[in-house]
Amino acid sequence: MKYLVLLIVLAVAVGIWRSRRPTISGAARAAPRAPLLPQDMVACEHCGVHVPRAEALMLGNHAYCSAEHRRQHSA
């Protein structure tokens, strides 16, 4: 019986301790990120999908969304 009372007292103490701690949400903990700048988009010569110029695979003036499309179009 005394162990049950001790367990209840500990549970109440932990509950009070946790409720009095300052809460910091996950969004507040993370440093605010700067907004991404717009990027130039190019269309894939093979399928027409638009991809950012920085991620496109270039072959001369032609842009491709993947190595497979670049290989298929150059063959």
C-alpha atoms as a PDB file:
ATOM      1  CA  MET A   1       0.000   0.000   0.000  1.00  0.00           C
ATOM      2  CA  LYS A   2       2.767   2.457   0.853  1.00  0.00           C
ATOM      3  CA  TYR A   3       4.409   1.808  -2.536  1.00  0.00           C
ATOM      4  CA  LEU A   4       1.182   2.756  -4.271  1.00  0.00           C
ATOM      5  CA  VAL A   5       1.024   6.029  -2.312  1.00  0.00           C
ATOM      6  CA  LEU A   6       4.690   6.699  -3.116  1.00  0.00           C
ATOM      7  CA  LEU A   7       4.030   6.038  -6.813  1.00  0.00           C
ATOM      8  CA  ILE A   8       1.062   8.431  -6.820  1.00  0.00           C
ATOM      9  CA  VAL A   9       3.080  11.146  -5.047  1.00  0.00           C
ATOM     10  CA  LEU A  10       5.925  10.762  -7.564  1.00  0.00           C
ATOM     11  CA  ALA A  11       3.496  10.893 -10.510  1.00  0.00           C
ATOM     12  CA  VAL A  12       1.907  14.089  -9.156  1.00  0.00           C
ATOM     13  CA  ALA A  13       5.336  15.646  -8.520  1.00  0.00           C
ATOM     14  CA  VAL A  14       6.516  14.851 -12.056  1.00  0.00           C
ATOM     15  CA  GLY A  15       3.267  16.214 -13.471  1.00  0.00           C
ATOM     16  CA  ILE A  16       3.647  19.491 -11.574  1.00  0.00           C
ATOM     17  CA  TRP A  17       7.323  19.773 -12.554  1.00  0.00           C
ATOM     18  CA  ARG A  18       6.533  19.225 -16.251  1.00  0.00           C
ATOM     19  CA  SER A  19       3.652  21.703 -16.236  1.00  0.00           C
ATOM     20  CA  ARG A  20       5.826  24.483 -14.783  1.00  0.00           C
ATOM     21  CA  ARG A  21       8.656  24.097 -17.303  1.00  0.00           C
ATOM     22  CA  PRO A  22       8.626  26.642 -20.114  1.00  0.00           C
ATOM     23  CA  THR A  23       7.376  24.955 -23.247  1.00  0.00           C
ATOM     24  CA  ILE A  24       9.275  25.505 -26.472  1.00  0.00           C
ATOM     25  CA  SER A  25       7.525  24.325 -29.591  1.00  0.00           C
ATOM     26  CA  GLY A  26       9.474  22.504 -32.307  1.00  0.00           C
ATOM     27  CA  ALA A  27       9.070  25.436 -34.685  1.00  0.00           C
ATOM     28  CA  ALA A  28      10.501  27.882 -32.150  1.00  0.00           C
ATOM     29  CA  ARG A  29      13.519  25.672 -31.461  1.00  0.00           C
ATOM     30  CA  ALA A  30      14.591  25.510 -35.093  1.00  0.00           C
ATOM     31  CA  ALA A  31      16.316  28.547 -36.497  1.00  0.00           C
ATOM     32  CA  PRO A  32      14.090  30.403 -38.953  1.00  0.00           C
ATOM     33  CA  ARG A  33      15.058  29.643 -42.532  1.00  0.00           C
ATOM     34  CA  ALA A  34      15.466  32.310 -45.144  1.00  0.00           C
ATOM     35  CA  PRO A  35      12.905  32.025 -47.944  1.00  0.00           C
ATOM     36  CA  LEU A  36      14.192  30.349 -51.076  1.00  0.00           C
ATOM     37  CA  LEU A  37      14.787  32.593 -54.036  1.00  0.00           C
ATOM     38  CA  PRO A  38      12.971  31.867 -57.300  1.00  0.00           C
ATOM     39  CA  GLN A  39      14.952  29.802 -59.798  1.00  0.00           C
ATOM     40  CA  ASP A  40      14.903  29.709 -63.574  1.00  0.00           C
ATOM     41  CA  MET A  41      12.976  26.705 -64.845  1.00  0.00           C
ATOM     42  CA  VAL A  42      13.787  24.832 -68.046  1.00  0.00           C
ATOM     43  CA  ALA A  43      11.767  22.205 -69.880  1.00  0.00           C
ATOM     44  CA  CYS A  44      13.183  18.747 -70.527  1.00  0.00           C
ATOM     45  CA  GLU A  45      13.761  18.259 -74.260  1.00  0.00           C
ATOM     46  CA  HIS A  46      12.524  14.661 -74.032  1.00  0.00           C
ATOM     47  CA  CYS A  47       9.370  14.781 -71.880  1.00  0.00           C
ATOM     48  CA  GLY A  48       8.698  18.492 -71.320  1.00  0.00           C
ATOM     49  CA  VAL A  49       8.825  18.369 -67.520  1.00  0.00           C
ATOM     50  CA  HIS A  50      10.014  21.654 -66.022  1.00  0.00           C
ATOM     51  CA  VAL A  51      12.983  21.427 -63.659  1.00  0.00           C
ATOM     52  CA  PRO A  52      15.119  24.110 -61.999  1.00  0.00           C
ATOM     53  CA  ARG A  53      18.103  25.075 -64.147  1.00  0.00           C
ATOM     54  CA  ALA A  54      20.443  24.163 -61.269  1.00  0.00           C
ATOM     55  CA  GLU A  55      19.123  20.567 -61.231  1.00  0.00           C
ATOM     56  CA  ALA A  56      18.794  20.080 -64.997  1.00  0.00           C
ATOM     57  CA  LEU A  57      21.305  18.008 -66.922  1.00  0.00           C
ATOM     58  CA  MET A  58      22.534  20.179 -69.756  1.00  0.00           C
ATOM     59  CA  LEU A  59      23.854  18.985 -73.115  1.00  0.00           C
ATOM     60  CA  GLY A  60      24.745  22.096 -75.067  1.00  0.00           C
ATOM     61  CA  ASN A  61      21.672  24.338 -74.978  1.00  0.00           C
ATOM     62  CA  HIS A  62      19.323  21.415 -74.301  1.00  0.00           C
ATOM     63  CA  ALA A  63      18.103  20.629 -70.775  1.00  0.00           C
ATOM     64  CA  TYR A  64      17.045  17.203 -69.518  1.00  0.00           C
ATOM     65  CA  CYS A  65      15.364  16.101 -66.301  1.00  0.00           C
ATOM     66  CA  SER A  66      17.343  12.850 -65.978  1.00  0.00           C
ATOM     67  CA  ALA A  67      20.419  11.101 -67.326  1.00  0.00           C
ATOM     68  CA  GLU A  68      18.185   8.530 -69.022  1.00  0.00           C
ATOM     69  CA  HIS A  69      16.345  11.202 -71.019  1.00  0.00           C
ATOM     70  CA  ARG A  70      19.631  12.848 -71.971  1.00  0.00           C
ATOM     71  CA  ARG A  71      20.981   9.477 -73.146  1.00  0.00           C
ATOM     72  CA  GLN A  72      17.799   8.644 -75.112  1.00  0.00           C
ATOM     73  CA  HIS A  73      17.651  12.005 -76.853  1.00  0.00           C
ATOM     74  CA  SER A  74      21.340  12.057 -77.807  1.00  0.00           C
ATOM     75  CA  ALA A  75      21.173   8.549 -79.329  1.00  0.00           C
END
